[in-house]
Amino acid sequence: MEQSIAIPNKKGTDMNPAGQHGSTHQDDDVKLLHSMGYAQELSRRMGGFSNFAISFSIICILSGGINSLAQGTSGAGGAAIGIGWPLGCLVSLVFAVAMAQIASAYPTAGGLYHWGSILGNRFTGWLTAWFNLLGLVTVLGAINVGTYYFFFGAFGPMLGMEDSITTRIVFLSILTGGQALCNHFGIGLTAKLTDFSGYLIFATSIALTIVCLLAAPSFEFSRLWTFGNFSGAAGGNVWPEVSGGWVFLLGLLLPIYTITGYDASAHTSEETVQAAHSVPRGMVMSVVWSMLFGWLMLSAFVLMLPSMQEAAAQGWNVFFWAMDTQVNSTVKLLLYLAIFISQILCGLATVTSVSRMIFAFARDGGLPASKALASVSPAHRTPVAAIWTGSILAVLFVWGSSLVSIGETPVYTIVVSCTVIFLFFSFAIPIFLGLFTYGTSKWPRMGPWNLGRGMFSLVAVLSVLSMALIFVIGIQPPNDWALYITIGFLVITAIVWFAFEARRFQGPPIGDMIAKRQAEIAAAEEALNK
């Protein structure tokens, strides 16, 4: 096994390839990474909390939980929050626990792609990578366009803003560009900002919960388990008119869409100290805390509503309507500012996740222009080309979806539904493979974060069943075009694989490229120091 190469820094002291002074934990991390065939190129500076914070920041209950709130309130009403939120979060939790078991054994950047390759073969790894990459790019676009609409709803009237495609794209370009720039200058800056984001989300969600409870006309707790059917005109046409059972299931997209992004802990594995321990904990605990604080916050919001029927009729404007009706204007603006900053940092963390996925896939030759996309800045130890590529693709996605509509349904909302399908499908592939390969030469033993074979088998089976549920509710009207888009993507994927990639793509290295990659890093560092 190759050992880490000592690289002189500008002060002349020896540093490991991560750009950090040597330590037992970091040496162990580097050795484990080497055993999987990869050199330590990124800067390993993130601690356990930072790894948790990046997933917690991407989940961001103040982003999806607020911007997608109408999927619940204009669906099954209060029960969509009181019962539907924890139920949908449990779906995400079983995925997170299953993925955590694999992450502890194989902590690498772009983990899902690597797991799909190790536990399956070149094709399953390649398929996992493309589904995950497509989901991450579109999620970044969805998060930032949600931030735009939140800003427009919260501050637009004061600023005299008018919504237009031009305004939207300029806003998103500036926002996404700023997020990419922060990522460009190193994981140290990004980690500090996502650490702050973690604390800010906790503090703001608690503050919003307290404000909602204080503004509540009464504590009508029965709302939280009372089922309604506000589909159609009664709910502002957020959902087409369907049965009460179906509208409750459709409302599960609120927590399921919100509680995504915990794979960011895996994507930053190679920048995390004690990754085999910290990454799985970061995944699972980001879901657990988001589930708890999100449930308390949204339940308090439901209790604050003057009337469930009036609230449902507001459709997508329900959050601003309730805040305008019930909350003091100064307090409201302070909350809006904290929520807006949290949403910006949510996008920042998502850029990190997207770029590490692109970097990991590209270093194995899985993308066009892979050599450029897999390059790491010697000065900042970040995958600069991958950062800007992912950010530009997200803006282009939003721009394209803003120009097109299918009937009365914007393509944007359909693609968001596809995003959920793509992301969870990329989660399900390695989990399904792990169900059959644990205990074999492909996965001989669990990592140090280990709940046991029985628990892994249980959550793996539940994950596969949950994937079927997500797919079914994800293709229902008004997002029924998601079915055809998903089928079309699968067809295109099959054509590309059999026509080109089956012969070209080699998959993850066995380990023979480590010395070469380490030499390249050392040469780049030496040139920089001169």
Protein backbone atom coordinates (compact mmCIF):
# COMPACT_ATOMS: atom_id res chain seq x y z
CA MET A 1 0.00 0.00 0.00
CA GLU A 2 1.32 3.44 -0.87
CA GLN A 3 2.10 5.80 1.98
CA SER A 4 1.34 9.52 1.89
CA ILE A 5 4.01 11.65 0.28
CA ALA A 6 5.43 14.44 2.43
CA ILE A 7 4.98 17.75 0.63
CA PRO A 8 6.80 20.88 1.80
CA ASN A 9 4.59 23.87 2.40
CA LYS A 10 5.63 27.47 1.98
CA LYS A 11 7.06 27.55 5.51
CA GLY A 12 9.15 24.46 4.89
CA THR A 13 7.35 22.10 7.28
CA ASP A 14 6.27 18.67 6.22
CA MET A 15 2.61 18.20 5.45
CA ASN A 16 0.63 15.25 4.22
CA PRO A 17 -1.16 15.32 0.84
CA ALA A 18 -4.26 16.71 2.49
CA GLY A 19 -2.36 19.88 3.18
CA GLN A 20 -2.52 19.28 6.94
CA HIS A 21 0.09 18.50 9.55
CA GLY A 22 0.36 14.76 10.05
CA SER A 23 -1.81 13.09 12.67
CA THR A 24 -2.74 9.54 13.51
CA HIS A 25 -6.36 10.00 12.45
CA GLN A 26 -5.47 11.64 9.15
CA ASP A 27 -2.83 9.00 8.41
CA ASP A 28 -5.46 6.31 9.00
CA ASP A 29 -7.91 8.14 6.73
CA VAL A 30 -5.30 8.41 3.97
CA LYS A 31 -4.34 4.73 4.27
CA LEU A 32 -7.99 3.68 4.01
CA LEU A 33 -8.45 5.92 0.97
CA HIS A 34 -5.34 4.42 -0.63
CA SER A 35 -6.62 0.90 -0.03
CA MET A 36 -9.61 1.81 -2.23
CA GLY A 37 -7.35 3.01 -5.04
CA TYR A 38 -7.41 6.79 -4.57
CA ALA A 39 -4.82 9.41 -3.72
CA GLN A 40 -5.45 12.05 -1.05
CA GLU A 41 -5.89 15.16 -3.21
CA LEU A 42 -8.48 17.23 -1.36
CA SER A 43 -7.80 19.02 1.91
CA ARG A 44 -8.88 16.91 4.92
CA ARG A 45 -9.92 19.68 7.30
CA MET A 46 -13.53 18.92 8.27
CA GLY A 47 -14.38 17.63 11.72
CA GLY A 48 -17.42 15.59 12.73
CA PHE A 49 -19.69 18.60 13.30
CA SER A 50 -18.72 20.15 9.97
CA ASN A 51 -19.55 16.90 8.19
CA PHE A 52 -22.94 16.85 9.94
CA ALA A 53 -23.49 20.55 9.26
CA ILE A 54 -23.04 20.26 5.50
CA SER A 55 -25.83 17.66 5.26
CA PHE A 56 -27.99 19.52 7.77
CA SER A 57 -27.47 22.72 5.74
CA ILE A 58 -28.51 21.06 2.46
CA ILE A 59 -31.57 19.49 4.05
CA CYS A 60 -32.39 22.93 5.48
CA ILE A 61 -35.91 22.70 6.88
CA LEU A 62 -36.09 26.48 6.36
CA SER A 63 -35.78 25.94 2.61
CA GLY A 64 -37.82 22.94 1.42
CA GLY A 65 -39.95 22.93 4.57
CA ILE A 66 -41.17 26.47 3.86
CA ASN A 67 -40.99 26.74 0.06
CA SER A 68 -42.85 23.43 -0.45
CA LEU A 69 -45.22 23.87 2.51
CA ALA A 70 -48.32 24.12 0.31
CA GLN A 71 -47.91 20.49 -0.75
CA GLY A 72 -49.11 19.66 2.76
CA THR A 73 -51.43 22.48 3.78
CA SER A 74 -53.21 22.43 0.39
CA GLY A 75 -53.36 18.65 0.46
CA ALA A 76 -54.44 16.75 3.55
CA GLY A 77 -54.32 19.85 5.76
CA GLY A 78 -52.99 19.63 9.31
CA ALA A 79 -52.56 15.85 9.19
CA ALA A 80 -50.07 16.29 6.34
CA ILE A 81 -47.82 17.95 8.93
CA GLY A 82 -48.71 16.22 12.19
CA ILE A 83 -48.68 12.70 10.70
CA GLY A 84 -47.30 13.06 7.18
CA TRP A 85 -44.09 14.92 8.12
CA PRO A 86 -42.70 12.26 10.51
CA LEU A 87 -43.87 9.47 8.19
CA GLY A 88 -42.10 11.01 5.18
CA CYS A 89 -39.00 11.71 7.26
CA LEU A 90 -38.88 8.04 8.31
CA VAL A 91 -38.67 7.16 4.61
CA SER A 92 -35.55 9.32 4.35
CA LEU A 93 -34.19 7.92 7.61
CA VAL A 94 -34.19 4.30 6.43
CA PHE A 95 -32.21 5.38 3.35
CA ALA A 96 -29.78 7.34 5.53
CA VAL A 97 -29.17 4.43 7.92
CA ALA A 98 -28.60 1.98 5.06
CA MET A 99 -26.23 4.39 3.30
CA ALA A 100 -24.41 5.09 6.57
CA GLN A 101 -23.50 1.41 6.91
CA ILE A 102 -21.90 1.44 3.45
CA ALA A 103 -20.27 4.85 3.97
CA SER A 104 -18.48 3.63 7.08
CA ALA A 105 -16.87 0.81 5.09
CA TYR A 106 -16.16 2.91 1.96
CA PRO A 107 -15.74 6.64 2.83
CA THR A 108 -14.91 8.27 -0.52
CA ALA A 109 -15.95 11.44 -2.34
CA GLY A 110 -18.85 10.75 -4.66
CA GLY A 111 -19.54 7.79 -2.41
CA LEU A 112 -22.71 6.60 -4.13
CA TYR A 113 -20.91 6.10 -7.43
CA HIS A 114 -18.05 4.28 -5.75
CA TRP A 115 -20.41 2.07 -3.73
CA GLY A 116 -22.40 1.21 -6.83
CA SER A 117 -19.16 0.12 -8.53
CA ILE A 118 -17.67 -1.83 -5.62
CA LEU A 119 -20.86 -3.66 -4.66
CA GLY A 120 -21.92 -4.21 -8.27
CA ASN A 121 -19.88 -3.61 -11.40
CA ARG A 122 -18.83 -0.88 -13.81
CA PHE A 123 -22.34 -0.48 -15.19
CA THR A 124 -24.12 -0.19 -11.83
CA GLY A 125 -21.53 2.34 -10.66
CA TRP A 126 -21.86 4.36 -13.85
CA LEU A 127 -25.68 4.28 -13.66
CA THR A 128 -25.63 5.34 -10.01
CA ALA A 129 -23.29 8.22 -10.83
CA TRP A 130 -25.47 9.61 -13.62
CA PHE A 131 -28.68 9.41 -11.59
CA ASN A 132 -27.00 11.03 -8.59
CA LEU A 133 -25.33 13.72 -10.67
CA LEU A 134 -28.54 14.62 -12.50
CA GLY A 135 -30.41 14.76 -9.19
CA LEU A 136 -27.77 16.94 -7.51
CA VAL A 137 -27.56 19.48 -10.34
CA THR A 138 -31.34 19.86 -10.54
CA VAL A 139 -31.66 20.01 -6.74
CA LEU A 140 -29.16 22.90 -6.70
CA GLY A 141 -31.30 24.67 -9.28
CA ALA A 142 -34.48 23.92 -7.35
CA ILE A 143 -33.02 25.15 -4.05
CA ASN A 144 -31.81 28.42 -5.51
CA VAL A 145 -34.97 29.13 -7.47
CA GLY A 146 -36.86 28.46 -4.21
CA THR A 147 -34.58 31.03 -2.55
CA TYR A 148 -35.46 33.49 -5.32
CA TYR A 149 -39.19 33.02 -4.81
CA PHE A 150 -38.77 33.32 -1.03
CA PHE A 151 -36.84 36.58 -1.50
CA PHE A 152 -39.48 37.80 -3.96
CA GLY A 153 -42.32 36.99 -1.54
CA ALA A 154 -40.56 38.35 1.56
CA PHE A 155 -38.85 41.49 0.24
CA GLY A 156 -40.14 41.96 -3.32
CA PRO A 157 -43.08 44.24 -2.39
CA MET A 158 -40.76 46.57 -0.43
CA LEU A 159 -38.22 46.69 -3.26
CA GLY A 160 -40.79 47.08 -6.02
CA MET A 161 -39.61 43.88 -7.72
CA GLU A 162 -41.50 42.32 -10.60
CA ASP A 163 -41.08 38.65 -11.39
CA SER A 164 -39.74 37.94 -14.87
CA ILE A 165 -37.45 35.41 -16.50
CA THR A 166 -34.70 38.02 -16.79
CA THR A 167 -34.95 39.03 -13.11
CA ARG A 168 -35.00 35.39 -12.07
CA ILE A 169 -31.94 34.38 -14.10
CA VAL A 170 -29.89 37.44 -13.07
CA PHE A 171 -30.71 36.77 -9.41
CA LEU A 172 -29.86 33.08 -9.72
CA SER A 173 -26.64 33.75 -11.62
CA ILE A 174 -25.40 36.14 -8.93
CA LEU A 175 -26.52 33.85 -6.11
CA THR A 176 -25.07 30.64 -7.56
CA GLY A 177 -21.90 32.44 -8.64
CA GLY A 178 -21.33 33.66 -5.08
CA GLN A 179 -21.87 30.15 -3.71
CA ALA A 180 -19.38 28.76 -6.24
CA LEU A 181 -16.85 31.45 -5.37
CA CYS A 182 -16.95 30.53 -1.67
CA ASN A 183 -16.40 26.88 -2.59
CA HIS A 184 -13.59 27.87 -4.96
CA PHE A 185 -11.50 29.31 -2.12
CA GLY A 186 -11.29 26.12 -0.09
CA ILE A 187 -13.12 23.68 2.14
CA GLY A 188 -11.96 25.67 5.20
CA LEU A 189 -14.14 28.67 4.26
CA THR A 190 -17.01 26.42 3.18
CA ALA A 191 -16.86 24.44 6.43
CA LYS A 192 -16.95 27.64 8.51
CA LEU A 193 -20.00 28.88 6.61
CA THR A 194 -21.84 25.54 6.83
CA ASP A 195 -20.99 25.29 10.53
CA PHE A 196 -22.58 28.72 10.96
CA SER A 197 -25.50 27.56 8.82
CA GLY A 198 -26.09 24.59 11.12
CA TYR A 199 -26.35 26.86 14.18
CA LEU A 200 -28.46 29.39 12.26
CA ILE A 201 -30.97 26.75 11.15
CA PHE A 202 -31.31 25.48 14.72
CA ALA A 203 -31.75 29.00 16.14
CA THR A 204 -34.11 30.26 13.44
CA SER A 205 -36.36 27.19 13.50
CA ILE A 206 -36.64 27.49 17.30
CA ALA A 207 -37.40 31.22 17.00
CA LEU A 208 -40.02 30.63 14.30
CA THR A 209 -41.60 27.88 16.42
CA ILE A 210 -41.85 30.19 19.44
CA VAL A 211 -43.23 33.08 17.37
CA CYS A 212 -45.87 30.85 15.80
CA LEU A 213 -46.96 29.51 19.20
CA LEU A 214 -47.16 33.01 20.67
CA ALA A 215 -49.21 34.20 17.67
CA ALA A 216 -51.55 31.21 17.67
CA PRO A 217 -55.18 32.20 18.32
CA SER A 218 -55.64 28.91 20.21
CA PHE A 219 -53.87 25.59 20.63
CA GLU A 220 -56.16 23.41 18.55
CA PHE A 221 -53.86 20.37 18.62
CA SER A 222 -56.46 18.18 16.93
CA ARG A 223 -55.57 19.94 13.66
CA LEU A 224 -52.36 17.92 13.59
CA TRP A 225 -54.18 14.62 13.19
CA THR A 226 -57.33 15.82 11.41
CA PHE A 227 -57.39 14.75 7.75
CA GLY A 228 -58.81 17.09 5.15
CA ASN A 229 -59.01 17.03 1.39
CA PHE A 230 -58.05 20.39 -0.08
CA SER A 231 -57.18 19.16 -3.53
CA GLY A 232 -58.44 21.17 -6.49
CA ALA A 233 -59.80 24.69 -6.05
CA ALA A 234 -60.12 24.34 -2.26
CA GLY A 235 -56.32 24.22 -2.06
CA GLY A 236 -55.48 26.82 -4.64
CA ASN A 237 -55.03 24.07 -7.26
CA VAL A 238 -51.70 22.97 -5.83
CA TRP A 239 -52.94 19.43 -6.46
CA PRO A 240 -55.63 18.34 -8.93
CA GLU A 241 -58.85 17.09 -7.37
CA VAL A 242 -58.17 13.57 -6.03
CA SER A 243 -59.33 11.36 -3.15
CA GLY A 244 -58.34 12.06 0.45
CA GLY A 245 -56.01 9.07 0.60
CA TRP A 246 -54.17 10.08 -2.54
CA VAL A 247 -53.78 13.71 -1.50
CA PHE A 248 -52.20 12.55 1.79
CA LEU A 249 -49.70 10.38 -0.10
CA LEU A 250 -48.93 13.25 -2.48
CA GLY A 251 -48.26 15.45 0.55
CA LEU A 252 -45.45 13.09 1.56
CA LEU A 253 -43.40 14.77 -1.17
CA LEU A 254 -43.04 17.74 1.23
CA PRO A 255 -40.88 15.88 3.81
CA ILE A 256 -39.33 13.50 1.28
CA TYR A 257 -38.16 16.38 -0.94
CA THR A 258 -37.04 18.46 2.05
CA ILE A 259 -35.11 15.63 3.73
CA THR A 260 -32.64 15.03 0.91
CA GLY A 261 -29.01 16.04 0.69
CA TYR A 262 -27.64 13.91 3.52
CA ASP A 263 -25.45 12.17 0.95
CA ALA A 264 -23.31 15.34 1.16
CA SER A 265 -21.64 13.78 4.20
CA ALA A 266 -20.43 10.99 1.93
CA HIS A 267 -19.40 13.37 -0.86
CA THR A 268 -17.09 15.19 1.58
CA SER A 269 -15.61 11.98 3.02
CA GLU A 270 -12.15 12.71 1.66
CA GLU A 271 -12.18 16.10 3.41
CA THR A 272 -13.35 14.73 6.78
CA VAL A 273 -11.12 13.52 9.61
CA GLN A 274 -12.06 10.04 10.93
CA ALA A 275 -14.39 9.72 7.97
CA ALA A 276 -15.39 6.12 8.68
CA HIS A 277 -16.91 7.32 11.98
CA SER A 278 -17.93 10.91 11.22
CA VAL A 279 -19.60 10.42 7.82
CA PRO A 280 -22.26 7.87 8.87
CA ARG A 281 -23.03 9.85 12.03
CA GLY A 282 -23.34 13.04 9.98
CA MET A 283 -25.78 11.37 7.58
CA VAL A 284 -28.07 9.89 10.18
CA MET A 285 -28.06 12.72 12.71
CA SER A 286 -28.73 15.37 10.04
CA VAL A 287 -31.94 13.50 9.19
CA VAL A 288 -32.92 12.92 12.83
CA TRP A 289 -32.49 16.55 13.90
CA SER A 290 -34.15 17.87 10.73
CA MET A 291 -37.09 15.54 11.31
CA LEU A 292 -37.53 16.69 14.92
CA PHE A 293 -37.02 20.44 14.50
CA GLY A 294 -38.98 20.49 11.24
CA TRP A 295 -41.93 18.74 12.85
CA LEU A 296 -41.99 21.14 15.81
CA MET A 297 -41.66 24.20 13.56
CA LEU A 298 -44.31 23.20 11.01
CA SER A 299 -46.70 21.94 13.70
CA ALA A 300 -46.46 25.33 15.43
CA PHE A 301 -47.16 26.98 12.07
CA VAL A 302 -50.33 24.90 11.63
CA LEU A 303 -51.48 25.86 15.13
CA MET A 304 -50.94 29.55 14.27
CA LEU A 305 -53.25 29.48 11.24
CA PRO A 306 -56.51 31.39 11.73
CA SER A 307 -58.36 28.69 9.80
CA MET A 308 -57.20 25.53 8.01
CA GLN A 309 -59.68 26.15 5.19
CA GLU A 310 -58.50 29.76 4.64
CA ALA A 311 -54.87 28.66 4.75
CA ALA A 312 -55.38 25.85 2.23
CA ALA A 313 -57.07 28.25 -0.19
CA GLN A 314 -53.91 30.40 -0.28
CA GLY A 315 -52.09 27.65 -2.19
CA TRP A 316 -48.37 28.39 -2.63
CA ASN A 317 -48.69 31.72 -0.80
CA VAL A 318 -49.72 30.13 2.51
CA PHE A 319 -46.53 30.96 4.45
CA PHE A 320 -46.48 34.67 3.63
CA TRP A 321 -50.24 34.97 4.08
CA ALA A 322 -50.06 33.45 7.58
CA MET A 323 -47.05 35.55 8.60
CA ASP A 324 -48.69 38.76 7.35
CA THR A 325 -51.92 37.89 9.16
CA GLN A 326 -50.54 36.76 12.51
CA VAL A 327 -47.01 38.07 13.14
CA ASN A 328 -45.65 41.52 14.11
CA SER A 329 -44.06 43.18 11.06
CA THR A 330 -40.62 43.77 12.67
CA VAL A 331 -40.39 40.24 14.03
CA LYS A 332 -41.55 38.92 10.66
CA LEU A 333 -38.82 40.77 8.75
CA LEU A 334 -36.11 39.55 11.14
CA LEU A 335 -37.29 35.97 10.64
CA TYR A 336 -37.42 36.47 6.88
CA LEU A 337 -33.80 37.67 6.89
CA ALA A 338 -32.59 34.68 8.91
CA ILE A 339 -34.52 32.27 6.69
CA PHE A 340 -33.13 33.90 3.54
CA ILE A 341 -29.53 33.60 4.77
CA SER A 342 -30.16 29.96 5.71
CA GLN A 343 -31.45 29.28 2.20
CA ILE A 344 -28.37 30.90 0.63
CA LEU A 345 -26.11 28.68 2.76
CA CYS A 346 -28.22 25.67 1.82
CA GLY A 347 -27.31 26.32 -1.82
CA LEU A 348 -23.67 26.87 -0.84
CA ALA A 349 -23.49 23.41 0.73
CA THR A 350 -25.23 21.90 -2.28
CA VAL A 351 -22.55 23.32 -4.60
CA THR A 352 -19.99 21.48 -2.45
CA SER A 353 -21.89 18.22 -2.80
CA VAL A 354 -22.40 18.58 -6.57
CA SER A 355 -18.77 19.45 -7.21
CA ARG A 356 -17.40 16.51 -5.22
CA MET A 357 -19.66 14.14 -7.12
CA ILE A 358 -18.44 15.56 -10.44
CA PHE A 359 -14.82 15.37 -9.24
CA ALA A 360 -15.11 11.75 -8.08
CA PHE A 361 -16.79 10.56 -11.27
CA ALA A 362 -14.43 12.53 -13.52
CA ARG A 363 -11.22 11.21 -11.93
CA ASP A 364 -12.30 7.75 -13.10
CA GLY A 365 -13.02 9.04 -16.60
CA GLY A 366 -16.81 8.93 -16.33
CA LEU A 367 -17.53 12.38 -17.80
CA PRO A 368 -16.65 14.37 -20.93
CA ALA A 369 -13.51 16.47 -20.29
CA SER A 370 -12.80 14.28 -17.27
CA LYS A 371 -9.17 15.35 -16.96
CA ALA A 372 -10.14 19.00 -16.51
CA LEU A 373 -13.09 18.23 -14.21
CA ALA A 374 -10.90 16.03 -11.99
CA SER A 375 -8.22 18.70 -11.58
CA VAL A 376 -7.60 20.11 -8.09
CA SER A 377 -6.35 23.63 -7.47
CA PRO A 378 -2.89 23.44 -5.84
CA ALA A 379 -3.54 26.74 -4.09
CA HIS A 380 -6.97 25.97 -2.64
CA ARG A 381 -7.07 22.15 -2.84
CA THR A 382 -10.57 22.29 -4.31
CA PRO A 383 -11.94 20.85 -7.59
CA VAL A 384 -12.38 24.27 -9.18
CA ALA A 385 -13.54 23.13 -12.62
CA ALA A 386 -16.10 20.78 -11.05
CA ILE A 387 -17.40 23.57 -8.78
CA TRP A 388 -18.06 25.99 -11.64
CA THR A 389 -19.37 23.33 -14.02
CA GLY A 390 -21.99 22.12 -11.54
CA SER A 391 -23.03 25.70 -10.75
CA ILE A 392 -23.38 26.69 -14.41
CA LEU A 393 -25.40 23.56 -15.20
CA ALA A 394 -27.81 24.36 -12.35
CA VAL A 395 -28.41 27.90 -13.68
CA LEU A 396 -28.92 26.55 -17.20
CA PHE A 397 -31.45 24.05 -15.84
CA VAL A 398 -33.50 26.80 -14.23
CA TRP A 399 -33.25 29.00 -17.32
CA GLY A 400 -34.42 26.18 -19.59
CA SER A 401 -37.28 25.20 -17.30
CA SER A 402 -38.40 28.84 -17.09
CA LEU A 403 -38.89 28.98 -20.86
CA VAL A 404 -41.02 25.89 -21.31
CA SER A 405 -44.33 24.61 -20.00
CA ILE A 406 -46.44 21.53 -20.66
CA GLY A 407 -50.09 22.54 -20.63
CA GLU A 408 -50.67 24.44 -17.38
CA THR A 409 -47.84 22.66 -15.55
CA PRO A 410 -44.39 24.34 -15.62
CA VAL A 411 -41.62 21.98 -16.67
CA TYR A 412 -39.73 23.17 -13.57
CA THR A 413 -42.19 21.49 -11.19
CA ILE A 414 -42.08 18.29 -13.24
CA VAL A 415 -38.28 18.20 -13.21
CA VAL A 416 -38.29 18.75 -9.43
CA SER A 417 -40.44 15.63 -9.17
CA CYS A 418 -37.94 13.83 -11.42
CA THR A 419 -35.17 15.10 -9.17
CA VAL A 420 -36.63 13.27 -6.18
CA ILE A 421 -36.95 10.09 -8.26
CA PHE A 422 -33.39 10.37 -9.61
CA LEU A 423 -31.81 11.09 -6.22
CA PHE A 424 -33.54 8.29 -4.35
CA PHE A 425 -32.95 5.88 -7.20
CA SER A 426 -29.23 6.65 -6.94
CA PHE A 427 -29.51 5.94 -3.20
CA ALA A 428 -31.39 2.69 -3.76
CA ILE A 429 -28.96 1.08 -6.25
CA PRO A 430 -25.97 0.60 -3.88
CA ILE A 431 -28.30 -0.24 -0.98
CA PHE A 432 -29.95 -2.98 -3.06
CA LEU A 433 -26.57 -4.30 -4.15
CA GLY A 434 -25.28 -4.25 -0.58
CA LEU A 435 -28.22 -6.39 0.53
CA PHE A 436 -26.82 -9.26 -1.55
CA THR A 437 -23.07 -8.62 -1.40
CA TYR A 438 -22.44 -8.08 2.32
CA GLY A 439 -20.36 -10.96 3.62
CA THR A 440 -18.81 -11.63 0.20
CA SER A 441 -15.45 -10.52 -1.19
CA LYS A 442 -17.09 -7.30 -2.42
CA TRP A 443 -18.10 -6.25 1.10
CA PRO A 444 -16.42 -8.58 3.59
CA ARG A 445 -17.12 -6.56 6.76
CA MET A 446 -18.97 -3.55 8.10
CA GLY A 447 -17.08 -0.38 8.93
CA PRO A 448 -16.62 0.89 12.50
CA TRP A 449 -20.13 2.45 12.45
CA ASN A 450 -22.05 -0.80 12.55
CA LEU A 451 -25.64 -1.52 13.56
CA GLY A 452 -25.35 -5.16 12.55
CA ARG A 453 -26.28 -7.32 9.59
CA GLY A 454 -29.90 -7.71 10.71
CA MET A 455 -30.52 -3.97 10.96
CA PHE A 456 -28.87 -3.31 7.62
CA SER A 457 -30.99 -5.98 5.92
CA LEU A 458 -34.15 -4.46 7.42
CA VAL A 459 -33.44 -0.87 6.37
CA ALA A 460 -32.23 -2.05 2.94
CA VAL A 461 -35.53 -3.85 2.27
CA LEU A 462 -37.49 -0.84 3.57
CA SER A 463 -35.45 1.44 1.30
CA VAL A 464 -36.31 -0.59 -1.80
CA LEU A 465 -40.01 -0.57 -0.87
CA SER A 466 -39.85 3.17 -0.17
CA MET A 467 -38.28 3.75 -3.58
CA ALA A 468 -41.33 2.14 -5.16
CA LEU A 469 -43.61 4.48 -3.15
CA ILE A 470 -41.56 7.56 -4.13
CA PHE A 471 -41.74 6.62 -7.79
CA VAL A 472 -45.52 6.09 -7.69
CA ILE A 473 -46.33 9.40 -5.98
CA GLY A 474 -43.67 11.25 -7.98
CA ILE A 475 -45.39 10.56 -11.33
CA GLN A 476 -48.92 11.52 -10.31
CA PRO A 477 -50.64 14.60 -11.81
CA PRO A 478 -49.72 17.40 -12.12
CA ASN A 479 -46.27 15.78 -12.49
CA ASP A 480 -47.35 12.85 -14.66
CA TRP A 481 -44.81 13.83 -17.32
CA ALA A 482 -42.14 12.74 -14.83
CA LEU A 483 -42.88 9.14 -15.87
CA TYR A 484 -42.06 9.80 -19.52
CA ILE A 485 -38.99 11.86 -18.65
CA THR A 486 -37.69 9.07 -16.39
CA ILE A 487 -38.32 6.42 -19.05
CA GLY A 488 -36.68 8.63 -21.66
CA PHE A 489 -33.63 9.12 -19.47
CA LEU A 490 -33.35 5.36 -18.95
CA VAL A 491 -33.54 4.76 -22.70
CA ILE A 492 -30.88 7.38 -23.42
CA THR A 493 -28.72 5.93 -20.64
CA ALA A 494 -28.95 2.44 -22.14
CA ILE A 495 -28.03 3.73 -25.61
CA VAL A 496 -25.02 5.69 -24.31
CA TRP A 497 -23.79 2.75 -22.23
CA PHE A 498 -23.99 0.08 -24.91
CA ALA A 499 -22.88 2.33 -27.77
CA PHE A 500 -19.94 4.03 -26.04
CA GLU A 501 -19.28 3.55 -22.34
CA ALA A 502 -19.34 -0.26 -22.08
CA ARG A 503 -16.03 -0.38 -23.98
CA ARG A 504 -14.48 2.88 -22.76
CA PHE A 505 -15.37 3.32 -19.09
CA GLN A 506 -13.11 1.33 -16.74
CA GLY A 507 -14.63 2.23 -13.39
CA PRO A 508 -12.76 2.85 -10.12
CA PRO A 509 -9.03 2.05 -10.07
CA ILE A 510 -7.65 -1.03 -8.37
CA GLY A 511 -4.78 0.96 -6.92
CA ASP A 512 -2.08 1.04 -9.58
CA MET A 513 -2.65 4.76 -10.25
CA ILE A 514 -2.01 5.96 -6.69
CA ALA A 515 1.73 6.56 -7.01
CA LYS A 516 1.24 8.46 -10.26
CA ARG A 517 -1.46 10.68 -8.81
CA GLN A 518 0.56 11.36 -5.66
CA ALA A 519 3.57 12.33 -7.77
CA GLU A 520 1.39 14.74 -9.75
CA ILE A 521 0.17 16.35 -6.53
CA ALA A 522 3.69 16.68 -5.16
CA ALA A 523 4.92 18.26 -8.41
CA ALA A 524 2.03 20.76 -8.41
CA GLU A 525 2.69 21.68 -4.79
CA GLU A 526 6.42 22.11 -5.45
CA ALA A 527 5.70 24.39 -8.41
CA LEU A 528 3.31 26.46 -6.29
CA ASN A 529 5.80 26.84 -3.43
CA LYS A 530 8.48 28.06 -5.84
